[in-house]
Structure formats: C-alpha cells, structure tokens
C-alpha cells in the first residue's frame, strides 16, 4: 500500500508520461489486460486511458486491473488512471 507521500511522488512522475494503453469500444478484453500487464512489468508506472467511444467506467476498470494485476492505483483523473507496480530488483523509482 502506497503512502500519501509516495503517491505524490508517483503523480509528479506520471505527469510527463503518455497513455501507454488505451481502451477502446471493445472494452476491457483479455488482450488489453495482458497488454497492461506487459507494460507494467517493463515500465512500473503507466497511464491507462479510456477512449470516448468506450462504455467502460474508469473507476471500475482501474479497480479491476489493480486487483487482477496486483498493482496500485496512484491516481484517477477524468478518463485516465495511473497504475504502479514496483519491480523486486532494479526499480526505476525510489519511493520516499
């Protein structure tokens, strides 16, 4: 579980990130979940965007992804969410 200070740090890092995964009209499919998992393993901190043509709710989607992939929800803004899963070794982020 992330502390408030850690979330603030990760939010500041996420500002400059593009949305690595976008969810379209097909919704949250197995392929999308796999894609989020792959990007999380590679980058640790990612932004996921739900496009306008999707019926998915960002809060439900973020909660489902966090539960399935054992990651943390850092932030939800509009139709974007920021997810974080720290690597065991050689992490890119040194949390305060």
PDB file of N, CA and C in Angstrom:
ATOM      1  N   UNK A   1       0.838  -1.180   0.000  1.00  0.00           N
ATOM      2  CA  UNK A   1       0.000   0.000   0.000  1.00  0.00           C
ATOM      3  C   UNK A   1       0.888   1.251   0.000  1.00  0.00           C
ATOM      4  N   UNK A   2       0.576   2.158  -0.877  1.00  0.00           N
ATOM      5  CA  UNK A   2       1.363   3.375  -1.008  1.00  0.00           C
ATOM      6  C   UNK A   2       0.926   4.429   0.008  1.00  0.00           C
ATOM      7  N   UNK A   3       1.888   5.163   0.524  1.00  0.00           N
ATOM      8  CA  UNK A   3       1.581   6.279   1.418  1.00  0.00           C
ATOM      9  C   UNK A   3       1.232   7.507   0.580  1.00  0.00           C
ATOM     10  N   UNK A   4       0.723   8.531   1.229  1.00  0.00           N
ATOM     11  CA  UNK A   4       0.389   9.768   0.533  1.00  0.00           C
ATOM     12  C   UNK A   4       1.603  10.406  -0.118  1.00  0.00           C
ATOM     13  N   UNK A   5       2.723  10.387   0.587  1.00  0.00           N
ATOM     14  CA  UNK A   5       3.959  10.971   0.058  1.00  0.00           C
ATOM     15  C   UNK A   5       4.439  10.217  -1.185  1.00  0.00           C
ATOM     16  N   UNK A   6       4.326   8.890  -1.146  1.00  0.00           N
ATOM     17  CA  UNK A   6       4.725   8.076  -2.295  1.00  0.00           C
ATOM     18  C   UNK A   6       3.811   8.338  -3.484  1.00  0.00           C
ATOM     19  N   UNK A   7       2.504   8.464  -3.232  1.00  0.00           N
ATOM     20  CA  UNK A   7       1.568   8.751  -4.314  1.00  0.00           C
ATOM     21  C   UNK A   7       1.862  10.109  -4.945  1.00  0.00           C
ATOM     22  N   UNK A   8       2.163  11.101  -4.129  1.00  0.00           N
ATOM     23  CA  UNK A   8       2.501  12.427  -4.647  1.00  0.00           C
ATOM     24  C   UNK A   8       3.721  12.360  -5.557  1.00  0.00           C
ATOM     25  N   UNK A   9       4.731  11.618  -5.127  1.00  0.00           N
ATOM     26  CA  UNK A   9       5.945  11.452  -5.936  1.00  0.00           C
ATOM     27  C   UNK A   9       5.610  10.789  -7.270  1.00  0.00           C
ATOM     28  N   UNK A  10       4.824   9.716  -7.223  1.00  0.00           N
ATOM     29  CA  UNK A  10       4.478   8.998  -8.452  1.00  0.00           C
ATOM     30  C   UNK A  10       3.590   9.834  -9.368  1.00  0.00           C
ATOM     31  N   UNK A  11       2.699  10.627  -8.791  1.00  0.00           N
ATOM     32  CA  UNK A  11       1.858  11.527  -9.602  1.00  0.00           C
ATOM     33  C   UNK A  11       2.730  12.520 -10.366  1.00  0.00           C
ATOM     34  N   UNK A  12       3.731  13.063  -9.678  1.00  0.00           N
ATOM     35  CA  UNK A  12       4.607  14.030 -10.342  1.00  0.00           C
ATOM     36  C   UNK A  12       5.401  13.374 -11.464  1.00  0.00           C
ATOM     37  N   UNK A  13       5.766  12.121 -11.293  1.00  0.00           N
ATOM     38  CA  UNK A  13       6.491  11.391 -12.340  1.00  0.00           C
ATOM     39  C   UNK A  13       5.559  11.052 -13.511  1.00  0.00           C
ATOM     40  N   UNK A  14       4.286  10.794 -13.215  1.00  0.00           N
ATOM     41  CA  UNK A  14       3.336  10.358 -14.243  1.00  0.00           C
ATOM     42  C   UNK A  14       2.861  11.490 -15.146  1.00  0.00           C
ATOM     43  N   UNK A  15       3.032  12.729 -14.711  1.00  0.00           N
ATOM     44  CA  UNK A  15       2.560  13.871 -15.496  1.00  0.00           C
ATOM     45  C   UNK A  15       3.134  13.859 -16.905  1.00  0.00           C
ATOM     46  N   UNK A  16       4.398  13.523 -17.009  1.00  0.00           N
ATOM     47  CA  UNK A  16       5.062  13.583 -18.312  1.00  0.00           C
ATOM     48  C   UNK A  16       4.914  12.304 -19.149  1.00  0.00           C
ATOM     49  N   UNK A  17       4.229  11.301 -18.618  1.00  0.00           N
ATOM     50  CA  UNK A  17       4.072  10.034 -19.334  1.00  0.00           C
ATOM     51  C   UNK A  17       2.909  10.086 -20.328  1.00  0.00           C
ATOM     52  N   UNK A  18       3.059   9.440 -21.470  1.00  0.00           N
ATOM     53  CA  UNK A  18       1.914   9.288 -22.375  1.00  0.00           C
ATOM     54  C   UNK A  18       1.041   8.124 -21.892  1.00  0.00           C
ATOM     55  N   UNK A  19      -0.143   8.008 -22.434  1.00  0.00           N
ATOM     56  CA  UNK A  19      -1.012   6.868 -22.114  1.00  0.00           C
ATOM     57  C   UNK A  19      -0.495   5.665 -22.910  1.00  0.00           C
ATOM     58  N   UNK A  20       0.167   4.743 -22.211  1.00  0.00           N
ATOM     59  CA  UNK A  20       0.756   3.589 -22.887  1.00  0.00           C
ATOM     60  C   UNK A  20      -0.305   2.600 -23.351  1.00  0.00           C
ATOM     61  N   UNK A  21      -1.426   2.536 -22.649  1.00  0.00           N
ATOM     62  CA  UNK A  21      -2.501   1.616 -23.018  1.00  0.00           C
ATOM     63  C   UNK A  21      -3.783   2.424 -23.151  1.00  0.00           C
ATOM     64  N   UNK A  22      -4.512   2.169 -24.248  1.00  0.00           N
ATOM     65  CA  UNK A  22      -5.792   2.828 -24.467  1.00  0.00           C
ATOM     66  C   UNK A  22      -6.869   1.770 -24.617  1.00  0.00           C
ATOM     67  N   UNK A  23      -8.002   2.010 -23.976  1.00  0.00           N
ATOM     68  CA  UNK A  23      -9.121   1.074 -24.030  1.00  0.00           C
ATOM     69  C   UNK A  23     -10.178   1.672 -24.952  1.00  0.00           C
ATOM     70  N   UNK A  24     -10.523   0.931 -25.996  1.00  0.00           N
ATOM     71  CA  UNK A  24     -11.469   1.420 -26.996  1.00  0.00           C
ATOM     72  C   UNK A  24     -12.854   0.851 -26.815  1.00  0.00           C
ATOM     73  N   UNK A  25     -13.618   0.806 -27.902  1.00  0.00           N
ATOM     74  CA  UNK A  25     -15.018   0.390 -27.827  1.00  0.00           C
ATOM     75  C   UNK A  25     -15.193  -1.085 -27.459  1.00  0.00           C
ATOM     76  N   UNK A  26     -14.164  -1.889 -27.653  1.00  0.00           N
ATOM     77  CA  UNK A  26     -14.246  -3.303 -27.273  1.00  0.00           C
ATOM     78  C   UNK A  26     -14.265  -3.479 -25.759  1.00  0.00           C
ATOM     79  N   UNK A  27     -13.779  -2.483 -25.041  1.00  0.00           N
ATOM     80  CA  UNK A  27     -13.785  -2.542 -23.582  1.00  0.00           C
ATOM     81  C   UNK A  27     -12.549  -3.243 -23.040  1.00  0.00           C
ATOM     82  N   UNK A  28     -12.678  -3.731 -21.825  1.00  0.00           N
ATOM     83  CA  UNK A  28     -11.561  -4.367 -21.130  1.00  0.00           C
ATOM     84  C   UNK A  28     -11.517  -5.851 -21.493  1.00  0.00           C
ATOM     85  N   UNK A  29     -10.807  -6.165 -22.551  1.00  0.00           N
ATOM     86  CA  UNK A  29     -10.685  -7.545 -23.009  1.00  0.00           C
ATOM     87  C   UNK A  29      -9.451  -8.198 -22.383  1.00  0.00           C
ATOM     88  N   UNK A  30      -9.319  -9.502 -22.588  1.00  0.00           N
ATOM     89  CA  UNK A  30      -8.144 -10.218 -22.090  1.00  0.00           C
ATOM     90  C   UNK A  30      -6.861  -9.675 -22.723  1.00  0.00           C
ATOM     91  N   UNK A  31      -6.948  -9.288 -23.985  1.00  0.00           N
ATOM     92  CA  UNK A  31      -5.779  -8.741 -24.680  1.00  0.00           C
ATOM     93  C   UNK A  31      -5.348  -7.418 -24.050  1.00  0.00           C
ATOM     94  N   UNK A  32      -6.313  -6.602 -23.654  1.00  0.00           N
ATOM     95  CA  UNK A  32      -5.991  -5.323 -23.017  1.00  0.00           C
ATOM     96  C   UNK A  32      -5.345  -5.561 -21.661  1.00  0.00           C
ATOM     97  N   UNK A  33      -5.889  -6.501 -20.892  1.00  0.00           N
ATOM     98  CA  UNK A  33      -5.327  -6.825 -19.575  1.00  0.00           C
ATOM     99  C   UNK A  33      -3.898  -7.332 -19.731  1.00  0.00           C
ATOM    100  N   UNK A  34      -3.663  -8.182 -20.731  1.00  0.00           N
ATOM    101  CA  UNK A  34      -2.321  -8.704 -20.992  1.00  0.00           C
ATOM    102  C   UNK A  34      -1.375  -7.568 -21.393  1.00  0.00           C
ATOM    103  N   UNK A  35      -1.874  -6.653 -22.200  1.00  0.00           N
ATOM    104  CA  UNK A  35      -1.076  -5.516 -22.622  1.00  0.00           C
ATOM    105  C   UNK A  35      -0.695  -4.637 -21.428  1.00  0.00           C
ATOM    106  N   UNK A  36      -1.649  -4.374 -20.548  1.00  0.00           N
ATOM    107  CA  UNK A  36      -1.375  -3.586 -19.338  1.00  0.00           C
ATOM    108  C   UNK A  36      -0.337  -4.302 -18.483  1.00  0.00           C
ATOM    109  N   UNK A  37      -0.475  -5.602 -18.348  1.00  0.00           N
ATOM    110  CA  UNK A  37       0.475  -6.379 -17.546  1.00  0.00           C
ATOM    111  C   UNK A  37       1.889  -6.290 -18.122  1.00  0.00           C
ATOM    112  N   UNK A  38       2.005  -6.445 -19.436  1.00  0.00           N
ATOM    113  CA  UNK A  38       3.319  -6.382 -20.090  1.00  0.00           C
ATOM    114  C   UNK A  38       3.978  -5.012 -19.914  1.00  0.00           C
ATOM    115  N   UNK A  39       3.200  -3.954 -20.102  1.00  0.00           N
ATOM    116  CA  UNK A  39       3.744  -2.607 -19.977  1.00  0.00           C
ATOM    117  C   UNK A  39       4.119  -2.319 -18.514  1.00  0.00           C
ATOM    118  N   UNK A  40       3.299  -2.789 -17.581  1.00  0.00           N
ATOM    119  CA  UNK A  40       3.606  -2.602 -16.154  1.00  0.00           C
ATOM    120  C   UNK A  40       4.921  -3.273 -15.776  1.00  0.00           C
ATOM    121  N   UNK A  41       5.121  -4.480 -16.283  1.00  0.00           N
ATOM    122  CA  UNK A  41       6.361  -5.197 -15.981  1.00  0.00           C
ATOM    123  C   UNK A  41       7.579  -4.472 -16.542  1.00  0.00           C
ATOM    124  N   UNK A  42       7.410  -3.852 -17.686  1.00  0.00           N
ATOM    125  CA  UNK A  42       8.532  -3.157 -18.319  1.00  0.00           C
ATOM    126  C   UNK A  42       8.779  -1.774 -17.720  1.00  0.00           C
ATOM    127  N   UNK A  43       7.713  -1.037 -17.409  1.00  0.00           N
ATOM    128  CA  UNK A  43       7.854   0.372 -17.050  1.00  0.00           C
ATOM    129  C   UNK A  43       7.527   0.707 -15.597  1.00  0.00           C
ATOM    130  N   UNK A  44       6.824  -0.124 -14.897  1.00  0.00           N
ATOM    131  CA  UNK A  44       6.410   0.059 -13.500  1.00  0.00           C
ATOM    132  C   UNK A  44       5.303   1.086 -13.298  1.00  0.00           C
ATOM    133  N   UNK A  45       5.418   2.247 -13.900  1.00  0.00           N
ATOM    134  CA  UNK A  45       4.432   3.321 -13.751  1.00  0.00           C
ATOM    135  C   UNK A  45       3.831   3.605 -15.121  1.00  0.00           C
ATOM    136  N   UNK A  46       2.510   3.415 -15.247  1.00  0.00           N
ATOM    137  CA  UNK A  46       1.877   3.613 -16.557  1.00  0.00           C
ATOM    138  C   UNK A  46       0.576   4.393 -16.423  1.00  0.00           C
ATOM    139  N   UNK A  47       0.198   4.977 -17.546  1.00  0.00           N
ATOM    140  CA  UNK A  47      -1.071   5.679 -17.643  1.00  0.00           C
ATOM    141  C   UNK A  47      -1.965   4.861 -18.585  1.00  0.00           C
ATOM    142  N   UNK A  48      -3.213   4.644 -18.166  1.00  0.00           N
ATOM    143  CA  UNK A  48      -4.189   3.932 -18.984  1.00  0.00           C
ATOM    144  C   UNK A  48      -5.319   4.907 -19.289  1.00  0.00           C
ATOM    145  N   UNK A  49      -5.702   4.974 -20.559  1.00  0.00           N
ATOM    146  CA  UNK A  49      -6.749   5.907 -20.986  1.00  0.00           C
ATOM    147  C   UNK A  49      -7.933   5.138 -21.552  1.00  0.00           C
ATOM    148  N   UNK A  50      -9.128   5.573 -21.181  1.00  0.00           N
ATOM    149  CA  UNK A  50     -10.341   5.023 -21.781  1.00  0.00           C
ATOM    150  C   UNK A  50     -10.814   6.031 -22.819  1.00  0.00           C
ATOM    151  N   UNK A  51     -10.878   5.598 -24.059  1.00  0.00           N
ATOM    152  CA  UNK A  51     -11.287   6.480 -25.148  1.00  0.00           C
ATOM    153  C   UNK A  51     -12.766   6.847 -25.042  1.00  0.00           C
ATOM    154  N   UNK A  52     -13.153   7.914 -25.725  1.00  0.00           N
ATOM    155  CA  UNK A  52     -14.534   8.416 -25.670  1.00  0.00           C
ATOM    156  C   UNK A  52     -15.560   7.398 -26.178  1.00  0.00           C
ATOM    157  N   UNK A  53     -15.150   6.531 -27.118  1.00  0.00           N
ATOM    158  CA  UNK A  53     -16.096   5.588 -27.707  1.00  0.00           C
ATOM    159  C   UNK A  53     -16.304   4.332 -26.855  1.00  0.00           C
ATOM    160  N   UNK A  54     -15.710   4.283 -25.681  1.00  0.00           N
ATOM    161  CA  UNK A  54     -15.854   3.124 -24.808  1.00  0.00           C
ATOM    162  C   UNK A  54     -16.910   3.388 -23.736  1.00  0.00           C
ATOM    163  N   UNK A  55     -17.629   2.328 -23.365  1.00  0.00           N
ATOM    164  CA  UNK A  55     -18.649   2.431 -22.320  1.00  0.00           C
ATOM    165  C   UNK A  55     -18.089   2.115 -20.934  1.00  0.00           C
ATOM    166  N   UNK A  56     -16.798   1.801 -20.855  1.00  0.00           N
ATOM    167  CA  UNK A  56     -16.175   1.428 -19.576  1.00  0.00           C
ATOM    168  C   UNK A  56     -16.122   2.622 -18.622  1.00  0.00           C
ATOM    169  N   UNK A  57     -16.249   2.326 -17.326  1.00  0.00           N
ATOM    170  CA  UNK A  57     -16.087   3.335 -16.284  1.00  0.00           C
ATOM    171  C   UNK A  57     -14.650   3.259 -15.781  1.00  0.00           C
ATOM    172  N   UNK A  58     -13.971   4.388 -15.671  1.00  0.00           N
ATOM    173  CA  UNK A  58     -12.553   4.401 -15.323  1.00  0.00           C
ATOM    174  C   UNK A  58     -12.313   3.857 -13.913  1.00  0.00           C
ATOM    175  N   UNK A  59     -13.198   4.149 -12.984  1.00  0.00           N
ATOM    176  CA  UNK A  59     -13.006   3.667 -11.602  1.00  0.00           C
ATOM    177  C   UNK A  59     -13.129   2.148 -11.526  1.00  0.00           C
ATOM    178  N   UNK A  60     -14.145   1.606 -12.190  1.00  0.00           N
ATOM    179  CA  UNK A  60     -14.321   0.142 -12.200  1.00  0.00           C
ATOM    180  C   UNK A  60     -13.159  -0.541 -12.912  1.00  0.00           C
ATOM    181  N   UNK A  61     -12.746   0.034 -14.032  1.00  0.00           N
ATOM    182  CA  UNK A  61     -11.648  -0.525 -14.811  1.00  0.00           C
ATOM    183  C   UNK A  61     -10.346  -0.509 -14.019  1.00  0.00           C
ATOM    184  N   UNK A  62     -10.051   0.613 -13.387  1.00  0.00           N
ATOM    185  CA  UNK A  62      -8.820   0.728 -12.592  1.00  0.00           C
ATOM    186  C   UNK A  62      -8.834  -0.269 -11.433  1.00  0.00           C
ATOM    187  N   UNK A  63      -9.964  -0.394 -10.764  1.00  0.00           N
ATOM    188  CA  UNK A  63     -10.075  -1.341  -9.646  1.00  0.00           C
ATOM    189  C   UNK A  63      -9.879  -2.775 -10.117  1.00  0.00           C
ATOM    190  N   UNK A  64     -10.480  -3.110 -11.239  1.00  0.00           N
ATOM    191  CA  UNK A  64     -10.348  -4.463 -11.786  1.00  0.00           C
ATOM    192  C   UNK A  64      -8.909  -4.760 -12.180  1.00  0.00           C
ATOM    193  N   UNK A  65      -8.260  -3.817 -12.839  1.00  0.00           N
ATOM    194  CA  UNK A  65      -6.858  -4.004 -13.237  1.00  0.00           C
ATOM    195  C   UNK A  65      -5.962  -4.124 -12.009  1.00  0.00           C
ATOM    196  N   UNK A  66      -6.192  -3.293 -11.007  1.00  0.00           N
ATOM    197  CA  UNK A  66      -5.377  -3.339  -9.790  1.00  0.00           C
ATOM    198  C   UNK A  66      -5.527  -4.688  -9.087  1.00  0.00           C
ATOM    199  N   UNK A  67      -6.738  -5.192  -9.065  1.00  0.00           N
ATOM    200  CA  UNK A  67      -6.995  -6.481  -8.406  1.00  0.00           C
ATOM    201  C   UNK A  67      -6.372  -7.634  -9.194  1.00  0.00           C
ATOM    202  N   UNK A  68      -6.582  -7.640 -10.504  1.00  0.00           N
ATOM    203  CA  UNK A  68      -6.085  -8.741 -11.333  1.00  0.00           C
ATOM    204  C   UNK A  68      -4.567  -8.763 -11.450  1.00  0.00           C
ATOM    205  N   UNK A  69      -3.948  -7.579 -11.529  1.00  0.00           N
ATOM    206  CA  UNK A  69      -2.515  -7.497 -11.785  1.00  0.00           C
ATOM    207  C   UNK A  69      -1.700  -7.217 -10.524  1.00  0.00           C
ATOM    208  N   UNK A  70      -2.370  -7.120  -9.389  1.00  0.00           N
ATOM    209  CA  UNK A  70      -1.705  -6.872  -8.105  1.00  0.00           C
ATOM    210  C   UNK A  70      -0.833  -5.619  -8.170  1.00  0.00           C
ATOM    211  N   UNK A  71      -1.451  -4.522  -8.632  1.00  0.00           N
ATOM    212  CA  UNK A  71      -0.750  -3.248  -8.710  1.00  0.00           C
ATOM    213  C   UNK A  71      -1.535  -2.196  -7.925  1.00  0.00           C
ATOM    214  N   UNK A  72      -0.969  -1.012  -7.811  1.00  0.00           N
ATOM    215  CA  UNK A  72      -1.576   0.077  -7.039  1.00  0.00           C
ATOM    216  C   UNK A  72      -2.169   1.127  -7.977  1.00  0.00           C
ATOM    217  N   UNK A  73      -3.317   1.670  -7.598  1.00  0.00           N
ATOM    218  CA  UNK A  73      -3.885   2.811  -8.310  1.00  0.00           C
ATOM    219  C   UNK A  73      -3.277   4.060  -7.674  1.00  0.00           C
ATOM    220  N   UNK A  74      -2.557   4.821  -8.461  1.00  0.00           N
ATOM    221  CA  UNK A  74      -1.922   6.038  -7.966  1.00  0.00           C
ATOM    222  C   UNK A  74      -2.887   7.211  -8.073  1.00  0.00           C
ATOM    223  N   UNK A  75      -3.598   7.287  -9.201  1.00  0.00           N
ATOM    224  CA  UNK A  75      -4.431   8.450  -9.461  1.00  0.00           C
ATOM    225  C   UNK A  75      -5.459   8.129 -10.535  1.00  0.00           C
ATOM    226  N   UNK A  76      -6.634   8.743 -10.404  1.00  0.00           N
ATOM    227  CA  UNK A  76      -7.657   8.680 -11.445  1.00  0.00           C
ATOM    228  C   UNK A  76      -8.075  10.110 -11.743  1.00  0.00           C
ATOM    229  N   UNK A  77      -7.905  10.511 -13.005  1.00  0.00           N
ATOM    230  CA  UNK A  77      -8.310  11.852 -13.437  1.00  0.00           C
ATOM    231  C   UNK A  77      -9.070  11.714 -14.745  1.00  0.00           C
ATOM    232  N   UNK A  78     -10.295  12.176 -14.765  1.00  0.00           N
ATOM    233  CA  UNK A  78     -11.097  12.124 -15.987  1.00  0.00           C
ATOM    234  C   UNK A  78     -11.233  10.698 -16.490  1.00  0.00           C
ATOM    235  N   UNK A  79     -10.744  10.440 -17.680  1.00  0.00           N
ATOM    236  CA  UNK A  79     -10.815   9.106 -18.276  1.00  0.00           C
ATOM    237  C   UNK A  79      -9.450   8.413 -18.259  1.00  0.00           C
ATOM    238  N   UNK A  80      -8.546   8.883 -17.404  1.00  0.00           N
ATOM    239  CA  UNK A  80      -7.204   8.318 -17.273  1.00  0.00           C
ATOM    240  C   UNK A  80      -6.978   7.798 -15.861  1.00  0.00           C
ATOM    241  N   UNK A  81      -6.180   6.745 -15.775  1.00  0.00           N
ATOM    242  CA  UNK A  81      -5.737   6.282 -14.456  1.00  0.00           C
ATOM    243  C   UNK A  81      -4.244   5.984 -14.537  1.00  0.00           C
ATOM    244  N   UNK A  82      -3.584   6.116 -13.403  1.00  0.00           N
ATOM    245  CA  UNK A  82      -2.159   5.845 -13.301  1.00  0.00           C
ATOM    246  C   UNK A  82      -2.001   4.630 -12.394  1.00  0.00           C
ATOM    247  N   UNK A  83      -1.302   3.618 -12.898  1.00  0.00           N
ATOM    248  CA  UNK A  83      -1.072   2.384 -12.150  1.00  0.00           C
ATOM    249  C   UNK A  83       0.415   2.207 -11.884  1.00  0.00           C
ATOM    250  N   UNK A  84       0.735   1.565 -10.761  1.00  0.00           N
ATOM    251  CA  UNK A  84       2.132   1.358 -10.377  1.00  0.00           C
ATOM    252  C   UNK A  84       2.322  -0.027  -9.801  1.00  0.00           C
ATOM    253  N   UNK A  85       3.356  -0.695 -10.272  1.00  0.00           N
ATOM    254  CA  UNK A  85       3.769  -1.986  -9.717  1.00  0.00           C
ATOM    255  C   UNK A  85       5.285  -2.007  -9.707  1.00  0.00           C
ATOM    256  N   UNK A  86       5.868  -1.926  -8.512  1.00  0.00           N
ATOM    257  CA  UNK A  86       7.315  -1.827  -8.386  1.00  0.00           C
ATOM    258  C   UNK A  86       7.978  -3.178  -8.605  1.00  0.00           C
ATOM    259  N   UNK A  87       9.097  -3.132  -9.325  1.00  0.00           N
ATOM    260  CA  UNK A  87       9.886  -4.339  -9.555  1.00  0.00           C
ATOM    261  C   UNK A  87      10.586  -4.741  -8.263  1.00  0.00           C
ATOM    262  N   UNK A  88      10.853  -6.029  -8.141  1.00  0.00           N
ATOM    263  CA  UNK A  88      11.579  -6.524  -6.979  1.00  0.00           C
ATOM    264  C   UNK A  88      13.031  -6.033  -6.996  1.00  0.00           C
ATOM    265  N   UNK A  89      13.634  -6.067  -8.183  1.00  0.00           N
ATOM    266  CA  UNK A  89      15.033  -5.664  -8.331  1.00  0.00           C
ATOM    267  C   UNK A  89      15.147  -4.592  -9.405  1.00  0.00           C
ATOM    268  N   UNK A  90      16.108  -3.715  -9.254  1.00  0.00           N
ATOM    269  CA  UNK A  90      16.413  -2.678 -10.243  1.00  0.00           C
ATOM    270  C   UNK A  90      15.191  -1.831 -10.611  1.00  0.00           C
ATOM    271  N   UNK A  91      14.522  -1.313  -9.611  1.00  0.00           N
ATOM    272  CA  UNK A  91      13.359  -0.464  -9.850  1.00  0.00           C
ATOM    273  C   UNK A  91      13.806   0.885 -10.413  1.00  0.00           C
ATOM    274  N   UNK A  92      12.979   1.456 -11.285  1.00  0.00           N
ATOM    275  CA  UNK A  92      13.262   2.775 -11.862  1.00  0.00           C
ATOM    276  C   UNK A  92      12.921   3.889 -10.860  1.00  0.00           C
ATOM    277  N   UNK A  93      12.111   3.553  -9.867  1.00  0.00           N
ATOM    278  CA  UNK A  93      11.592   4.574  -8.941  1.00  0.00           C
ATOM    279  C   UNK A  93      12.026   4.265  -7.517  1.00  0.00           C
ATOM    280  N   UNK A  94      12.609   5.269  -6.872  1.00  0.00           N
ATOM    281  CA  UNK A  94      12.996   5.136  -5.479  1.00  0.00           C
ATOM    282  C   UNK A  94      11.956   5.912  -4.663  1.00  0.00           C
ATOM    283  N   UNK A  95      11.045   5.168  -4.054  1.00  0.00           N
ATOM    284  CA  UNK A  95       9.950   5.801  -3.340  1.00  0.00           C
ATOM    285  C   UNK A  95      10.432   6.452  -2.036  1.00  0.00           C
ATOM    286  N   UNK A  96       9.873   7.632  -1.737  1.00  0.00           N
ATOM    287  CA  UNK A  96      10.259   8.318  -0.486  1.00  0.00           C
ATOM    288  C   UNK A  96       9.740   7.565   0.742  1.00  0.00           C
TER     289      UNK A  96
END
